[in-house]
Amino acid sequence: MTKVPQGLNVTSEIAYAAGLLSIIASIGAWATSRNKEDAPAAKAERWGIFIGLWAPTFMEIGNALKVEEK
C-alpha cells in the first residue's frame, strides 16, 4: 500500500501536513463559499465537508508510512 507514496518520496510528515492543510482548506472553502451572495448555505457546508473528508485519508497514509519508516 505504501509503495506508491514511497516511490514519490512522500514521508509521513508530508502526509500529516497534507491532513492539516486539508482541515484548514475545508474551513477556508466553507467560509469563502458561505460569503458568496448567490450560493446557498447548504452548498457551502457540502463543499467544506467534502474537503474535510480528505484529512483522515492523509492521516492514515501518514500512519502507514510511519510504520514503514521504523
Protein backbone atom coordinates (compact mmCIF):
# COMPACT_ATOMS: atom_id res chain seq x y z
CA MET A 1 0.00 0.00 0.00
CA THR A 2 2.83 2.40 0.72
CA LYS A 3 4.90 1.65 -2.38
CA VAL A 4 3.39 4.47 -4.44
CA PRO A 5 3.85 7.23 -1.81
CA GLN A 6 7.35 5.95 -1.03
CA GLY A 7 8.15 5.91 -4.73
CA LEU A 8 7.14 9.57 -4.87
CA ASN A 9 9.35 10.32 -1.84
CA VAL A 10 6.37 11.18 0.35
CA THR A 11 7.24 10.94 4.05
CA SER A 12 4.88 10.57 6.97
CA GLU A 13 5.46 14.22 7.88
CA ILE A 14 4.31 15.31 4.42
CA ALA A 15 1.17 13.19 4.72
CA TYR A 16 0.42 14.61 8.18
CA ALA A 17 0.95 18.14 6.84
CA ALA A 18 -1.44 17.40 3.97
CA GLY A 19 -4.06 16.29 6.52
CA LEU A 20 -3.65 19.51 8.49
CA LEU A 21 -3.80 21.60 5.33
CA SER A 22 -6.97 19.74 4.35
CA ILE A 23 -8.62 20.84 7.57
CA ILE A 24 -7.53 24.44 7.03
CA ALA A 25 -8.66 24.32 3.38
CA SER A 26 -12.01 22.91 4.49
CA ILE A 27 -12.62 25.85 6.79
CA GLY A 28 -11.43 28.28 4.12
CA ALA A 29 -13.63 26.76 1.42
CA TRP A 30 -16.64 26.81 3.72
CA ALA A 31 -16.06 30.45 4.69
CA THR A 32 -15.41 31.56 1.11
CA SER A 33 -18.41 29.74 -0.32
CA ARG A 34 -20.64 30.92 2.53
CA ASN A 35 -19.79 34.57 1.84
CA LYS A 36 -20.86 34.41 -1.80
CA GLU A 37 -24.26 36.02 -2.08
CA ASP A 38 -25.62 33.77 -4.83
CA ALA A 39 -24.53 30.45 -3.23
CA PRO A 40 -26.95 28.69 -0.87
CA ALA A 41 -25.71 27.86 2.64
CA ALA A 42 -26.07 24.11 2.05
CA LYS A 43 -23.63 24.30 -0.84
CA ALA A 44 -21.01 25.95 1.39
CA GLU A 45 -21.45 23.23 4.00
CA ARG A 46 -21.16 20.42 1.44
CA TRP A 47 -18.01 21.94 -0.06
CA GLY A 48 -16.37 22.27 3.36
CA ILE A 49 -17.32 18.73 4.35
CA PHE A 50 -16.04 17.32 1.05
CA ILE A 51 -12.59 18.81 1.55
CA GLY A 52 -12.62 17.97 5.27
CA LEU A 53 -13.10 14.30 4.46
CA TRP A 54 -9.63 14.19 2.91
CA ALA A 55 -7.93 14.73 6.30
CA PRO A 56 -8.49 11.21 7.70
CA THR A 57 -7.16 9.70 4.48
CA PHE A 58 -3.98 11.75 4.62
CA MET A 59 -3.54 10.95 8.32
CA GLU A 60 -3.93 7.22 7.66
CA ILE A 61 -1.40 7.40 4.85
CA GLY A 62 0.92 9.16 7.29
CA ASN A 63 0.41 6.40 9.85
CA ALA A 64 1.15 3.69 7.29
CA LEU A 65 4.28 5.49 6.15
CA LYS A 66 5.41 5.97 9.76
CA VAL A 67 5.15 2.22 10.37
CA GLU A 68 7.19 1.56 7.21
CA GLU A 69 9.82 4.14 8.22
CA LYS A 70 10.51 2.38 11.51
